[in-house]
Amino acid sequence: MDQAMQRTVDLLYELGNLKRVMRSGWWVGGIASPETVAEHTFRTAWLGYLLAQMEGADAGRVMLMCLAHDAHEARLNDHHKVAQAYLDPKPVEARVFEDQVTGVPGAETLIAAFTEYEAQETLEAQVARDADRLECAVQSLEYVSQGQAACRPWFDNARPSLKTRAGRALHEALEGSDPHAWYRDLPRVT
């Protein structure tokens, strides 16, 4: 097997660890078994695509940033805001991501997407960050609907950080929404 293929195989297994890395901030909110980073990343990518469509941004770039934004947590784990206050993770996260993807096909594109996301200077990066924040907001409403009222601040705290018109509009639409209505409102098959 050539080196690029081996690096690709290794990356796939490494990214699989994200299915086991729990989002640690939810422990502070009283969630004993919170979502994983992979689960968060999946819905963040969907949100990124939808927000990009609303904003007229390049949806492919946004989705790539959404997929890459927490990949480093396969090595570093997830750190909630209290832990982050004691760490300076940004330079380390970029170095870890670069180490993760170096040698795989398209590594330059992946590194550029991660760097663009971190810099927050383009519409696409801002849409991707809004998708990240909104995914957390959506998750908080799901936990609240399950009786975890302590998770409500995650929804409320997302609003001030949203940069895009579409992100703010979606946050407003989520206010008062029922996470379980989607299936109750489906047309019934007879």
C-alpha atoms as a PDB file:
ATOM      1  CA  MET A   1       0.000   0.000   0.000  1.00  0.00           C
ATOM      2  CA  ASP A   2       1.426   3.413  -0.895  1.00  0.00           C
ATOM      3  CA  GLN A   3       1.968   6.047   1.767  1.00  0.00           C
ATOM      4  CA  ALA A   4      -0.984   8.281   0.752  1.00  0.00           C
ATOM      5  CA  MET A   5      -3.359   5.342   0.943  1.00  0.00           C
ATOM      6  CA  GLN A   6      -1.957   4.309   4.331  1.00  0.00           C
ATOM      7  CA  ARG A   7      -2.380   7.876   5.641  1.00  0.00           C
ATOM      8  CA  THR A   8      -5.967   7.851   4.367  1.00  0.00           C
ATOM      9  CA  VAL A   9      -6.722   4.568   6.129  1.00  0.00           C
ATOM     10  CA  ASP A  10      -5.135   5.864   9.340  1.00  0.00           C
ATOM     11  CA  LEU A  11      -7.160   9.099   9.174  1.00  0.00           C
ATOM     12  CA  LEU A  12     -10.411   7.189   8.720  1.00  0.00           C
ATOM     13  CA  TYR A  13      -9.754   5.121  11.833  1.00  0.00           C
ATOM     14  CA  GLU A  14      -8.640   8.173  13.778  1.00  0.00           C
ATOM     15  CA  LEU A  15     -11.762  10.119  12.846  1.00  0.00           C
ATOM     16  CA  GLY A  16     -13.762   7.118  14.046  1.00  0.00           C
ATOM     17  CA  ASN A  17     -12.659   8.045  17.552  1.00  0.00           C
ATOM     18  CA  LEU A  18     -14.945  11.077  17.291  1.00  0.00           C
ATOM     19  CA  LYS A  19     -17.860   8.646  17.607  1.00  0.00           C
ATOM     20  CA  ARG A  20     -16.669   7.975  21.167  1.00  0.00           C
ATOM     21  CA  VAL A  21     -15.514  11.450  22.268  1.00  0.00           C
ATOM     22  CA  MET A  22     -18.321  13.012  24.289  1.00  0.00           C
ATOM     23  CA  ARG A  23     -19.112  16.725  24.088  1.00  0.00           C
ATOM     24  CA  SER A  24     -17.962  17.615  27.603  1.00  0.00           C
ATOM     25  CA  GLY A  25     -19.825  20.895  28.021  1.00  0.00           C
ATOM     26  CA  TRP A  26     -23.089  19.021  28.419  1.00  0.00           C
ATOM     27  CA  TRP A  27     -21.778  17.357  31.581  1.00  0.00           C
ATOM     28  CA  VAL A  28     -21.843  20.817  33.175  1.00  0.00           C
ATOM     29  CA  GLY A  29     -25.514  20.997  32.147  1.00  0.00           C
ATOM     30  CA  GLY A  30     -26.271  17.695  33.876  1.00  0.00           C
ATOM     31  CA  ILE A  31     -26.289  15.419  30.828  1.00  0.00           C
ATOM     32  CA  ALA A  32     -24.801  12.085  31.902  1.00  0.00           C
ATOM     33  CA  SER A  33     -24.363  10.684  28.393  1.00  0.00           C
ATOM     34  CA  PRO A  34     -24.086  13.599  25.973  1.00  0.00           C
ATOM     35  CA  GLU A  35     -23.793  13.552  22.215  1.00  0.00           C
ATOM     36  CA  THR A  36     -20.453  12.700  20.662  1.00  0.00           C
ATOM     37  CA  VAL A  37     -18.259  15.009  18.605  1.00  0.00           C
ATOM     38  CA  ALA A  38     -19.151  12.945  15.525  1.00  0.00           C
ATOM     39  CA  GLU A  39     -22.868  13.441  16.148  1.00  0.00           C
ATOM     40  CA  HIS A  40     -22.306  17.162  16.613  1.00  0.00           C
ATOM     41  CA  THR A  41     -20.205  17.344  13.448  1.00  0.00           C
ATOM     42  CA  PHE A  42     -22.820  15.526  11.368  1.00  0.00           C
ATOM     43  CA  ARG A  43     -25.603  17.988  12.152  1.00  0.00           C
ATOM     44  CA  THR A  44     -23.191  20.942  11.965  1.00  0.00           C
ATOM     45  CA  ALA A  45     -22.393  19.962   8.364  1.00  0.00           C
ATOM     46  CA  TRP A  46     -26.098  19.828   7.521  1.00  0.00           C
ATOM     47  CA  LEU A  47     -26.670  23.188   9.177  1.00  0.00           C
ATOM     48  CA  GLY A  48     -23.695  24.585   7.285  1.00  0.00           C
ATOM     49  CA  TYR A  49     -25.155  23.462   3.976  1.00  0.00           C
ATOM     50  CA  LEU A  50     -28.588  24.931   4.737  1.00  0.00           C
ATOM     51  CA  LEU A  51     -27.205  28.238   6.038  1.00  0.00           C
ATOM     52  CA  ALA A  52     -24.880  28.501   3.023  1.00  0.00           C
ATOM     53  CA  GLN A  53     -27.891  28.155   0.732  1.00  0.00           C
ATOM     54  CA  MET A  54     -29.700  30.923   2.625  1.00  0.00           C
ATOM     55  CA  GLU A  55     -26.637  33.213   2.607  1.00  0.00           C
ATOM     56  CA  GLY A  56     -25.511  32.568  -0.957  1.00  0.00           C
ATOM     57  CA  ALA A  57     -22.206  31.151   0.279  1.00  0.00           C
ATOM     58  CA  ASP A  58     -20.189  28.295  -1.226  1.00  0.00           C
ATOM     59  CA  ALA A  59     -21.919  25.324   0.408  1.00  0.00           C
ATOM     60  CA  GLY A  60     -19.096  22.894  -0.369  1.00  0.00           C
ATOM     61  CA  ARG A  61     -16.499  25.033   1.387  1.00  0.00           C
ATOM     62  CA  VAL A  62     -18.823  25.598   4.335  1.00  0.00           C
ATOM     63  CA  MET A  63     -19.515  21.883   4.714  1.00  0.00           C
ATOM     64  CA  LEU A  64     -15.802  21.071   4.511  1.00  0.00           C
ATOM     65  CA  MET A  65     -15.100  23.581   7.284  1.00  0.00           C
ATOM     66  CA  CYS A  66     -17.918  22.085   9.355  1.00  0.00           C
ATOM     67  CA  LEU A  67     -16.497  18.593   8.911  1.00  0.00           C
ATOM     68  CA  ALA A  68     -12.962  19.756   9.785  1.00  0.00           C
ATOM     69  CA  HIS A  69     -13.672  22.150  12.650  1.00  0.00           C
ATOM     70  CA  ASP A  70     -13.479  19.596  15.489  1.00  0.00           C
ATOM     71  CA  ALA A  71     -11.420  16.814  13.871  1.00  0.00           C
ATOM     72  CA  HIS A  72      -8.499  17.620  16.188  1.00  0.00           C
ATOM     73  CA  GLU A  73     -10.652  16.417  19.105  1.00  0.00           C
ATOM     74  CA  ALA A  74      -9.907  12.847  18.013  1.00  0.00           C
ATOM     75  CA  ARG A  75      -6.485  13.499  19.582  1.00  0.00           C
ATOM     76  CA  LEU A  76      -7.159  16.276  22.085  1.00  0.00           C
ATOM     77  CA  ASN A  77     -10.682  15.347  23.262  1.00  0.00           C
ATOM     78  CA  ASP A  78     -13.409  17.936  23.745  1.00  0.00           C
ATOM     79  CA  HIS A  79     -12.853  20.726  26.276  1.00  0.00           C
ATOM     80  CA  HIS A  80     -15.792  22.702  27.628  1.00  0.00           C
ATOM     81  CA  LYS A  81     -15.623  26.461  28.169  1.00  0.00           C
ATOM     82  CA  VAL A  82     -14.359  26.210  31.755  1.00  0.00           C
ATOM     83  CA  ALA A  83     -11.429  24.015  30.675  1.00  0.00           C
ATOM     84  CA  GLN A  84     -10.762  26.235  27.661  1.00  0.00           C
ATOM     85  CA  ALA A  85     -10.297  29.211  29.968  1.00  0.00           C
ATOM     86  CA  TYR A  86      -7.175  27.496  31.302  1.00  0.00           C
ATOM     87  CA  LEU A  87      -5.853  26.428  27.899  1.00  0.00           C
ATOM     88  CA  ASP A  88      -4.735  28.201  24.754  1.00  0.00           C
ATOM     89  CA  PRO A  89      -5.880  25.499  22.351  1.00  0.00           C
ATOM     90  CA  LYS A  90      -6.035  27.354  19.012  1.00  0.00           C
ATOM     91  CA  PRO A  91      -2.397  27.032  17.875  1.00  0.00           C
ATOM     92  CA  VAL A  92      -2.329  23.428  19.092  1.00  0.00           C
ATOM     93  CA  GLU A  93      -5.598  22.561  17.335  1.00  0.00           C
ATOM     94  CA  ALA A  94      -4.259  23.822  13.998  1.00  0.00           C
ATOM     95  CA  ARG A  95      -1.018  21.874  14.426  1.00  0.00           C
ATOM     96  CA  VAL A  96      -2.914  18.705  15.339  1.00  0.00           C
ATOM     97  CA  PHE A  97      -5.235  19.045  12.340  1.00  0.00           C
ATOM     98  CA  GLU A  98      -2.285  19.551  10.004  1.00  0.00           C
ATOM     99  CA  ASP A  99      -0.572  16.479  11.471  1.00  0.00           C
ATOM    100  CA  GLN A 100      -3.786  14.479  11.045  1.00  0.00           C
ATOM    101  CA  VAL A 101      -4.266  15.229   7.354  1.00  0.00           C
ATOM    102  CA  THR A 102      -0.720  15.602   6.031  1.00  0.00           C
ATOM    103  CA  GLY A 103      -0.119  12.943   3.428  1.00  0.00           C
ATOM    104  CA  VAL A 104      -3.761  12.280   2.520  1.00  0.00           C
ATOM    105  CA  PRO A 105      -5.136  13.267  -0.888  1.00  0.00           C
ATOM    106  CA  GLY A 106      -6.264  16.892  -0.829  1.00  0.00           C
ATOM    107  CA  ALA A 107      -4.461  17.703   2.430  1.00  0.00           C
ATOM    108  CA  GLU A 108      -3.737  21.249   1.259  1.00  0.00           C
ATOM    109  CA  THR A 109      -7.451  21.870   0.720  1.00  0.00           C
ATOM    110  CA  LEU A 110      -8.295  20.467   4.148  1.00  0.00           C
ATOM    111  CA  ILE A 111      -5.654  22.583   5.892  1.00  0.00           C
ATOM    112  CA  ALA A 112      -6.800  25.689   4.008  1.00  0.00           C
ATOM    113  CA  ALA A 113     -10.411  25.033   5.088  1.00  0.00           C
ATOM    114  CA  PHE A 114      -9.405  24.640   8.736  1.00  0.00           C
ATOM    115  CA  THR A 115      -7.281  27.795   8.581  1.00  0.00           C
ATOM    116  CA  GLU A 116     -10.074  29.754   6.890  1.00  0.00           C
ATOM    117  CA  TYR A 117     -12.547  28.606   9.548  1.00  0.00           C
ATOM    118  CA  GLU A 118     -10.257  29.682  12.360  1.00  0.00           C
ATOM    119  CA  ALA A 119      -9.559  33.102  10.795  1.00  0.00           C
ATOM    120  CA  GLN A 120     -13.273  33.924  10.449  1.00  0.00           C
ATOM    121  CA  GLU A 121     -12.605  36.431   7.651  1.00  0.00           C
ATOM    122  CA  THR A 122     -14.852  35.008   4.920  1.00  0.00           C
ATOM    123  CA  LEU A 123     -18.599  34.594   4.637  1.00  0.00           C
ATOM    124  CA  GLU A 124     -18.104  30.841   4.369  1.00  0.00           C
ATOM    125  CA  ALA A 125     -16.124  30.715   7.630  1.00  0.00           C
ATOM    126  CA  GLN A 126     -18.759  32.790   9.400  1.00  0.00           C
ATOM    127  CA  VAL A 127     -21.531  30.552   8.076  1.00  0.00           C
ATOM    128  CA  ALA A 128     -19.627  27.471   9.283  1.00  0.00           C
ATOM    129  CA  ARG A 129     -19.114  29.000  12.737  1.00  0.00           C
ATOM    130  CA  ASP A 130     -22.801  29.915  12.896  1.00  0.00           C
ATOM    131  CA  ALA A 131     -23.619  26.303  11.995  1.00  0.00           C
ATOM    132  CA  ASP A 132     -21.426  25.123  14.880  1.00  0.00           C
ATOM    133  CA  ARG A 133     -23.115  27.500  17.325  1.00  0.00           C
ATOM    134  CA  LEU A 134     -26.602  26.677  16.062  1.00  0.00           C
ATOM    135  CA  GLU A 135     -26.018  22.937  16.332  1.00  0.00           C
ATOM    136  CA  CYS A 136     -25.251  23.451  20.000  1.00  0.00           C
ATOM    137  CA  ALA A 137     -28.401  25.573  20.330  1.00  0.00           C
ATOM    138  CA  VAL A 138     -30.542  22.891  18.685  1.00  0.00           C
ATOM    139  CA  GLN A 139     -29.017  20.217  20.909  1.00  0.00           C
ATOM    140  CA  SER A 140     -29.746  22.317  23.984  1.00  0.00           C
ATOM    141  CA  LEU A 141     -33.427  22.548  23.039  1.00  0.00           C
ATOM    142  CA  GLU A 142     -33.537  18.775  22.617  1.00  0.00           C
ATOM    143  CA  TYR A 143     -32.049  18.308  26.080  1.00  0.00           C
ATOM    144  CA  VAL A 144     -34.473  20.864  27.546  1.00  0.00           C
ATOM    145  CA  SER A 145     -37.376  18.946  25.980  1.00  0.00           C
ATOM    146  CA  GLN A 146     -36.104  15.881  27.859  1.00  0.00           C
ATOM    147  CA  GLY A 147     -36.354  17.738  31.179  1.00  0.00           C
ATOM    148  CA  GLN A 148     -32.818  19.161  31.365  1.00  0.00           C
ATOM    149  CA  ALA A 149     -33.735  22.822  31.974  1.00  0.00           C
ATOM    150  CA  ALA A 150     -30.113  23.609  32.938  1.00  0.00           C
ATOM    151  CA  CYS A 151     -29.205  23.292  29.237  1.00  0.00           C
ATOM    152  CA  ARG A 152     -31.328  26.293  28.178  1.00  0.00           C
ATOM    153  CA  PRO A 153     -28.440  28.799  28.490  1.00  0.00           C
ATOM    154  CA  TRP A 154     -26.649  27.098  25.583  1.00  0.00           C
ATOM    155  CA  PHE A 155     -29.540  28.168  23.357  1.00  0.00           C
ATOM    156  CA  ASP A 156     -29.731  31.696  24.769  1.00  0.00           C
ATOM    157  CA  ASN A 157     -25.960  32.237  24.653  1.00  0.00           C
ATOM    158  CA  ALA A 158     -25.731  31.268  20.993  1.00  0.00           C
ATOM    159  CA  ARG A 159     -27.662  34.307  19.723  1.00  0.00           C
ATOM    160  CA  PRO A 160     -25.094  37.054  20.420  1.00  0.00           C
ATOM    161  CA  SER A 161     -22.319  35.118  18.658  1.00  0.00           C
ATOM    162  CA  LEU A 162     -24.209  34.580  15.382  1.00  0.00           C
ATOM    163  CA  LYS A 163     -22.762  36.631  12.516  1.00  0.00           C
ATOM    164  CA  THR A 164     -25.023  35.858   9.580  1.00  0.00           C
ATOM    165  CA  ARG A 165     -28.545  36.994   8.777  1.00  0.00           C
ATOM    166  CA  ALA A 166     -29.544  33.382   8.106  1.00  0.00           C
ATOM    167  CA  GLY A 167     -28.022  32.211  11.396  1.00  0.00           C
ATOM    168  CA  ARG A 168     -29.938  34.811  13.381  1.00  0.00           C
ATOM    169  CA  ALA A 169     -33.167  34.028  11.500  1.00  0.00           C
ATOM    170  CA  LEU A 170     -32.812  30.307  12.160  1.00  0.00           C
ATOM    171  CA  HIS A 171     -32.117  30.940  15.837  1.00  0.00           C
ATOM    172  CA  GLU A 172     -35.289  33.022  15.999  1.00  0.00           C
ATOM    173  CA  ALA A 173     -37.254  30.249  14.268  1.00  0.00           C
ATOM    174  CA  LEU A 174     -35.950  27.731  16.807  1.00  0.00           C
ATOM    175  CA  GLU A 175     -37.215  29.819  19.739  1.00  0.00           C
ATOM    176  CA  GLY A 176     -40.315  28.104  21.068  1.00  0.00           C
ATOM    177  CA  SER A 177     -40.047  25.242  18.580  1.00  0.00           C
ATOM    178  CA  ASP A 178     -40.871  21.664  19.538  1.00  0.00           C
ATOM    179  CA  PRO A 179     -38.054  19.203  18.777  1.00  0.00           C
ATOM    180  CA  HIS A 180     -40.655  16.443  18.402  1.00  0.00           C
ATOM    181  CA  ALA A 181     -43.107  18.191  16.077  1.00  0.00           C
ATOM    182  CA  TRP A 182     -41.391  17.040  12.877  1.00  0.00           C
ATOM    183  CA  TYR A 183     -42.736  13.501  13.144  1.00  0.00           C
ATOM    184  CA  ARG A 184     -46.168  14.394  14.539  1.00  0.00           C
ATOM    185  CA  ASP A 185     -46.758  16.691  11.550  1.00  0.00           C
ATOM    186  CA  LEU A 186     -45.856  14.097   8.909  1.00  0.00           C
ATOM    187  CA  PRO A 187     -48.659  13.112   6.552  1.00  0.00           C
ATOM    188  CA  ARG A 188     -50.012   9.751   7.668  1.00  0.00           C
ATOM    189  CA  VAL A 189     -49.583   6.848   5.299  1.00  0.00           C
ATOM    190  CA  THR A 190     -52.697   4.715   5.113  1.00  0.00           C
END
